Amino acid sequence: MVERYWNVIEALAQALLAKDWQPVKALKSGGTWATATEAKYLVGAKIVSELKNWRIPAVCVDEC
C-alpha cells in the first residue's frame, strides 16, 4: 500500500515540511502526543485537496 501511494505520501510530506513551526496543539481528548514544544500542521482541507489531486476519494468528516 505504501508503494502504491508513495507519490501521495511524498506530496503530503513536502506540503507539511513547507509549513512554519507552530506551538504544539493539544489533542481533542486533552492528552499530549509529544514532548516537543513546536510542530507543523496540515489542516484537513489541505490533506483532502492533496488526496483529490491524486484521484483518491477523501472528504472531511469533522472540523476541516
PDB file of N, CA and C in Angstrom:
ATOM      1  N   MET A   1       0.819  -1.179   0.000  1.00  0.00           N
ATOM      2  CA  MET A   1       0.000   0.000   0.000  1.00  0.00           C
ATOM      3  C   MET A   1       0.877   1.262   0.000  1.00  0.00           C
ATOM      4  N   VAL A   2       1.940   1.240   0.786  1.00  0.00           N
ATOM      5  CA  VAL A   2       2.841   2.385   0.822  1.00  0.00           C
ATOM      6  C   VAL A   2       3.440   2.612  -0.563  1.00  0.00           C
ATOM      7  N   GLU A   3       3.864   1.531  -1.200  1.00  0.00           N
ATOM      8  CA  GLU A   3       4.435   1.657  -2.545  1.00  0.00           C
ATOM      9  C   GLU A   3       3.410   2.230  -3.518  1.00  0.00           C
ATOM     10  N   ARG A   4       2.191   1.769  -3.410  1.00  0.00           N
ATOM     11  CA  ARG A   4       1.119   2.223  -4.305  1.00  0.00           C
ATOM     12  C   ARG A   4       0.870   3.730  -4.154  1.00  0.00           C
ATOM     13  N   TYR A   5       0.903   4.235  -2.930  1.00  0.00           N
ATOM     14  CA  TYR A   5       0.580   5.630  -2.663  1.00  0.00           C
ATOM     15  C   TYR A   5       1.807   6.479  -2.320  1.00  0.00           C
ATOM     16  N   TRP A   6       2.996   6.023  -2.695  1.00  0.00           N
ATOM     17  CA  TRP A   6       4.199   6.756  -2.339  1.00  0.00           C
ATOM     18  C   TRP A   6       4.160   8.196  -2.837  1.00  0.00           C
ATOM     19  N   ASN A   7       3.662   8.441  -4.043  1.00  0.00           N
ATOM     20  CA  ASN A   7       3.586   9.815  -4.566  1.00  0.00           C
ATOM     21  C   ASN A   7       2.711  10.702  -3.690  1.00  0.00           C
ATOM     22  N   VAL A   8       1.651  10.157  -3.161  1.00  0.00           N
ATOM     23  CA  VAL A   8       0.761  10.920  -2.273  1.00  0.00           C
ATOM     24  C   VAL A   8       1.463  11.201  -0.949  1.00  0.00           C
ATOM     25  N   ILE A   9       2.107  10.185  -0.405  1.00  0.00           N
ATOM     26  CA  ILE A   9       2.836  10.353   0.853  1.00  0.00           C
ATOM     27  C   ILE A   9       3.903  11.436   0.694  1.00  0.00           C
ATOM     28  N   GLU A  10       4.615  11.388  -0.422  1.00  0.00           N
ATOM     29  CA  GLU A  10       5.653  12.375  -0.679  1.00  0.00           C
ATOM     30  C   GLU A  10       5.074  13.786  -0.838  1.00  0.00           C
ATOM     31  N   ALA A  11       3.953  13.908  -1.529  1.00  0.00           N
ATOM     32  CA  ALA A  11       3.316  15.220  -1.716  1.00  0.00           C
ATOM     33  C   ALA A  11       2.858  15.796  -0.380  1.00  0.00           C
ATOM     34  N   LEU A  12       2.267  14.968   0.466  1.00  0.00           N
ATOM     35  CA  LEU A  12       1.834  15.436   1.786  1.00  0.00           C
ATOM     36  C   LEU A  12       3.031  15.803   2.660  1.00  0.00           C
ATOM     37  N   ALA A  13       4.095  15.021   2.574  1.00  0.00           N
ATOM     38  CA  ALA A  13       5.300  15.320   3.353  1.00  0.00           C
ATOM     39  C   ALA A  13       5.904  16.652   2.917  1.00  0.00           C
ATOM     40  N   GLN A  14       5.962  16.897   1.615  1.00  0.00           N
ATOM     41  CA  GLN A  14       6.509  18.157   1.119  1.00  0.00           C
ATOM     42  C   GLN A  14       5.641  19.339   1.565  1.00  0.00           C
ATOM     43  N   ALA A  15       4.327  19.172   1.516  1.00  0.00           N
ATOM     44  CA  ALA A  15       3.426  20.241   1.964  1.00  0.00           C
ATOM     45  C   ALA A  15       3.613  20.508   3.452  1.00  0.00           C
ATOM     46  N   LEU A  16       3.800  19.449   4.213  1.00  0.00           N
ATOM     47  CA  LEU A  16       3.999  19.593   5.653  1.00  0.00           C
ATOM     48  C   LEU A  16       5.331  20.265   5.960  1.00  0.00           C
ATOM     49  N   LEU A  17       6.381  19.859   5.281  1.00  0.00           N
ATOM     50  CA  LEU A  17       7.697  20.448   5.524  1.00  0.00           C
ATOM     51  C   LEU A  17       7.746  21.921   5.151  1.00  0.00           C
ATOM     52  N   ALA A  18       6.924  22.337   4.204  1.00  0.00           N
ATOM     53  CA  ALA A  18       6.899  23.733   3.784  1.00  0.00           C
ATOM     54  C   ALA A  18       6.208  24.642   4.806  1.00  0.00           C
ATOM     55  N   LYS A  19       5.469  24.063   5.733  1.00  0.00           N
ATOM     56  CA  LYS A  19       4.742  24.837   6.741  1.00  0.00           C
ATOM     57  C   LYS A  19       5.697  25.411   7.782  1.00  0.00           C
ATOM     58  N   ASP A  20       5.263  26.466   8.438  1.00  0.00           N
ATOM     59  CA  ASP A  20       6.027  27.063   9.535  1.00  0.00           C
ATOM     60  C   ASP A  20       5.796  26.270  10.816  1.00  0.00           C
ATOM     61  N   TRP A  21       6.780  26.330  11.703  1.00  0.00           N
ATOM     62  CA  TRP A  21       6.638  25.713  13.018  1.00  0.00           C
ATOM     63  C   TRP A  21       5.609  26.493  13.830  1.00  0.00           C
ATOM     64  N   GLN A  22       4.808  25.780  14.618  1.00  0.00           N
ATOM     65  CA  GLN A  22       3.789  26.375  15.477  1.00  0.00           C
ATOM     66  C   GLN A  22       3.871  25.734  16.857  1.00  0.00           C
ATOM     67  N   PRO A  23       3.348  26.410  17.867  1.00  0.00           N
ATOM     68  CA  PRO A  23       3.280  25.767  19.177  1.00  0.00           C
ATOM     69  C   PRO A  23       2.446  24.483  19.090  1.00  0.00           C
ATOM     70  N   VAL A  24       2.843  23.477  19.833  1.00  0.00           N
ATOM     71  CA  VAL A  24       2.117  22.204  19.835  1.00  0.00           C
ATOM     72  C   VAL A  24       0.696  22.435  20.321  1.00  0.00           C
ATOM     73  N   LYS A  25      -0.255  21.853  19.610  1.00  0.00           N
ATOM     74  CA  LYS A  25      -1.673  21.972  19.982  1.00  0.00           C
ATOM     75  C   LYS A  25      -2.086  20.736  20.773  1.00  0.00           C
ATOM     76  N   ALA A  26      -2.982  20.944  21.700  1.00  0.00           N
ATOM     77  CA  ALA A  26      -3.487  19.817  22.491  1.00  0.00           C
ATOM     78  C   ALA A  26      -4.399  18.946  21.632  1.00  0.00           C
ATOM     79  N   LEU A  27      -4.420  17.659  21.924  1.00  0.00           N
ATOM     80  CA  LEU A  27      -5.355  16.760  21.263  1.00  0.00           C
ATOM     81  C   LEU A  27      -6.771  17.064  21.739  1.00  0.00           C
ATOM     82  N   LYS A  28      -7.754  16.714  20.919  1.00  0.00           N
ATOM     83  CA  LYS A  28      -9.152  16.933  21.327  1.00  0.00           C
ATOM     84  C   LYS A  28      -9.465  16.225  22.644  1.00  0.00           C
ATOM     85  N   SER A  29      -8.786  15.108  22.879  1.00  0.00           N
ATOM     86  CA  SER A  29      -9.008  14.346  24.107  1.00  0.00           C
ATOM     87  C   SER A  29      -8.397  15.040  25.327  1.00  0.00           C
ATOM     88  N   GLY A  30      -7.559  16.043  25.080  1.00  0.00           N
ATOM     89  CA  GLY A  30      -6.896  16.720  26.178  1.00  0.00           C
ATOM     90  C   GLY A  30      -5.540  16.124  26.499  1.00  0.00           C
ATOM     91  N   GLY A  31      -5.243  14.984  25.889  1.00  0.00           N
ATOM     92  CA  GLY A  31      -3.964  14.325  26.128  1.00  0.00           C
ATOM     93  C   GLY A  31      -2.836  14.987  25.368  1.00  0.00           C
ATOM     94  N   THR A  32      -1.626  14.576  25.675  1.00  0.00           N
ATOM     95  CA  THR A  32      -0.468  15.089  24.953  1.00  0.00           C
ATOM     96  C   THR A  32       0.060  13.993  24.045  1.00  0.00           C
ATOM     97  N   TRP A  33       0.617  14.394  22.921  1.00  0.00           N
ATOM     98  CA  TRP A  33       1.125  13.416  21.966  1.00  0.00           C
ATOM     99  C   TRP A  33       2.616  13.558  21.737  1.00  0.00           C
ATOM    100  N   ALA A  34       3.224  14.586  22.301  1.00  0.00           N
ATOM    101  CA  ALA A  34       4.658  14.785  22.109  1.00  0.00           C
ATOM    102  C   ALA A  34       5.225  15.608  23.245  1.00  0.00           C
ATOM    103  N   THR A  35       6.519  15.499  23.421  1.00  0.00           N
ATOM    104  CA  THR A  35       7.179  16.328  24.425  1.00  0.00           C
ATOM    105  C   THR A  35       7.746  17.598  23.793  1.00  0.00           C
ATOM    106  N   ALA A  36       7.675  17.692  22.468  1.00  0.00           N
ATOM    107  CA  ALA A  36       8.172  18.876  21.762  1.00  0.00           C
ATOM    108  C   ALA A  36       7.286  20.081  22.075  1.00  0.00           C
ATOM    109  N   THR A  37       7.822  21.250  21.840  1.00  0.00           N
ATOM    110  CA  THR A  37       7.043  22.471  22.069  1.00  0.00           C
ATOM    111  C   THR A  37       6.517  23.063  20.767  1.00  0.00           C
ATOM    112  N   GLU A  38       7.052  22.596  19.623  1.00  0.00           N
ATOM    113  CA  GLU A  38       6.606  23.092  18.327  1.00  0.00           C
ATOM    114  C   GLU A  38       6.343  21.926  17.378  1.00  0.00           C
ATOM    115  N   ALA A  39       5.469  22.161  16.412  1.00  0.00           N
ATOM    116  CA  ALA A  39       5.124  21.141  15.425  1.00  0.00           C
ATOM    117  C   ALA A  39       4.684  21.830  14.143  1.00  0.00           C
ATOM    118  N   LYS A  40       4.527  21.052  13.084  1.00  0.00           N
ATOM    119  CA  LYS A  40       3.995  21.559  11.821  1.00  0.00           C
ATOM    120  C   LYS A  40       2.676  20.841  11.580  1.00  0.00           C
ATOM    121  N   TYR A  41       1.690  21.583  11.083  1.00  0.00           N
ATOM    122  CA  TYR A  41       0.352  21.027  10.904  1.00  0.00           C
ATOM    123  C   TYR A  41      -0.164  21.251   9.486  1.00  0.00           C
ATOM    124  N   LEU A  42      -0.918  20.296   8.990  1.00  0.00           N
ATOM    125  CA  LEU A  42      -1.713  20.469   7.779  1.00  0.00           C
ATOM    126  C   LEU A  42      -3.162  20.345   8.203  1.00  0.00           C
ATOM    127  N   VAL A  43      -3.982  21.284   7.779  1.00  0.00           N
ATOM    128  CA  VAL A  43      -5.403  21.195   8.114  1.00  0.00           C
ATOM    129  C   VAL A  43      -6.062  20.176   7.200  1.00  0.00           C
ATOM    130  N   GLY A  44      -7.173  19.642   7.643  1.00  0.00           N
ATOM    131  CA  GLY A  44      -7.874  18.601   6.897  1.00  0.00           C
ATOM    132  C   GLY A  44      -8.174  18.965   5.458  1.00  0.00           C
ATOM    133  N   ALA A  45      -8.557  20.214   5.216  1.00  0.00           N
ATOM    134  CA  ALA A  45      -8.892  20.636   3.857  1.00  0.00           C
ATOM    135  C   ALA A  45      -7.690  20.513   2.925  1.00  0.00           C
ATOM    136  N   LYS A  46      -6.490  20.820   3.412  1.00  0.00           N
ATOM    137  CA  LYS A  46      -5.283  20.689   2.588  1.00  0.00           C
ATOM    138  C   LYS A  46      -4.991  19.229   2.294  1.00  0.00           C
ATOM    139  N   ILE A  47      -5.169  18.386   3.266  1.00  0.00           N
ATOM    140  CA  ILE A  47      -4.939  16.953   3.069  1.00  0.00           C
ATOM    141  C   ILE A  47      -5.938  16.405   2.052  1.00  0.00           C
ATOM    142  N   VAL A  48      -7.205  16.751   2.217  1.00  0.00           N
ATOM    143  CA  VAL A  48      -8.242  16.295   1.286  1.00  0.00           C
ATOM    144  C   VAL A  48      -7.924  16.782  -0.130  1.00  0.00           C
ATOM    145  N   SER A  49      -7.495  18.016  -0.250  1.00  0.00           N
ATOM    146  CA  SER A  49      -7.148  18.582  -1.549  1.00  0.00           C
ATOM    147  C   SER A  49      -6.004  17.808  -2.201  1.00  0.00           C
ATOM    148  N   GLU A  50      -4.965  17.528  -1.438  1.00  0.00           N
ATOM    149  CA  GLU A  50      -3.828  16.766  -1.975  1.00  0.00           C
ATOM    150  C   GLU A  50      -4.261  15.367  -2.403  1.00  0.00           C
ATOM    151  N   LEU A  51      -5.085  14.715  -1.602  1.00  0.00           N
ATOM    152  CA  LEU A  51      -5.549  13.376  -1.956  1.00  0.00           C
ATOM    153  C   LEU A  51      -6.380  13.403  -3.235  1.00  0.00           C
ATOM    154  N   LYS A  52      -7.226  14.390  -3.367  1.00  0.00           N
ATOM    155  CA  LYS A  52      -8.046  14.511  -4.576  1.00  0.00           C
ATOM    156  C   LYS A  52      -7.185  14.775  -5.807  1.00  0.00           C
ATOM    157  N   ASN A  53      -6.068  15.502  -5.634  1.00  0.00           N
ATOM    158  CA  ASN A  53      -5.150  15.713  -6.756  1.00  0.00           C
ATOM    159  C   ASN A  53      -4.634  14.388  -7.312  1.00  0.00           C
ATOM    160  N   TRP A  54      -4.560  13.398  -6.466  1.00  0.00           N
ATOM    161  CA  TRP A  54      -4.089  12.071  -6.869  1.00  0.00           C
ATOM    162  C   TRP A  54      -5.252  11.106  -7.126  1.00  0.00           C
ATOM    163  N   ARG A  55      -6.443  11.675  -7.240  1.00  0.00           N
ATOM    164  CA  ARG A  55      -7.668  10.901  -7.519  1.00  0.00           C
ATOM    165  C   ARG A  55      -7.972   9.858  -6.438  1.00  0.00           C
ATOM    166  N   ILE A  56      -7.684  10.231  -5.205  1.00  0.00           N
ATOM    167  CA  ILE A  56      -8.030   9.393  -4.062  1.00  0.00           C
ATOM    168  C   ILE A  56      -9.221  10.048  -3.393  1.00  0.00           C
ATOM    169  N   PRO A  57     -10.358   9.371  -3.349  1.00  0.00           N
ATOM    170  CA  PRO A  57     -11.545   9.986  -2.757  1.00  0.00           C
ATOM    171  C   PRO A  57     -11.332  10.273  -1.263  1.00  0.00           C
ATOM    172  N   ALA A  58     -11.631  11.497  -0.892  1.00  0.00           N
ATOM    173  CA  ALA A  58     -11.480  11.884   0.507  1.00  0.00           C
ATOM    174  C   ALA A  58     -12.463  13.004   0.809  1.00  0.00           C
ATOM    175  N   VAL A  59     -12.970  13.010   2.035  1.00  0.00           N
ATOM    176  CA  VAL A  59     -13.862  14.071   2.497  1.00  0.00           C
ATOM    177  C   VAL A  59     -13.522  14.390   3.945  1.00  0.00           C
ATOM    178  N   CYS A  60     -13.837  15.594   4.358  1.00  0.00           N
ATOM    179  CA  CYS A  60     -13.692  15.959   5.765  1.00  0.00           C
ATOM    180  C   CYS A  60     -14.937  15.496   6.508  1.00  0.00           C
ATOM    181  N   VAL A  61     -14.753  14.876   7.646  1.00  0.00           N
ATOM    182  CA  VAL A  61     -15.899  14.394   8.409  1.00  0.00           C
ATOM    183  C   VAL A  61     -16.198  15.254   9.630  1.00  0.00           C
ATOM    184  N   ASP A  62     -15.185  15.909  10.153  1.00  0.00           N
ATOM    185  CA  ASP A  62     -15.390  16.806  11.292  1.00  0.00           C
ATOM    186  C   ASP A  62     -14.854  18.163  10.910  1.00  0.00           C
ATOM    187  N   GLU A  63     -14.281  18.841  11.847  1.00  0.00           N
ATOM    188  CA  GLU A  63     -13.684  20.148  11.563  1.00  0.00           C
ATOM    189  C   GLU A  63     -12.649  19.999  10.467  1.00  0.00           C
ATOM    190  N   CYS A  64     -12.857  20.712   9.394  1.00  0.00           N
ATOM    191  CA  CYS A  64     -11.946  20.572   8.269  1.00  0.00           C
ATOM    192  C   CYS A  64     -11.690  21.891   7.694  1.00  0.00           C
TER     193      CYS A  64
END
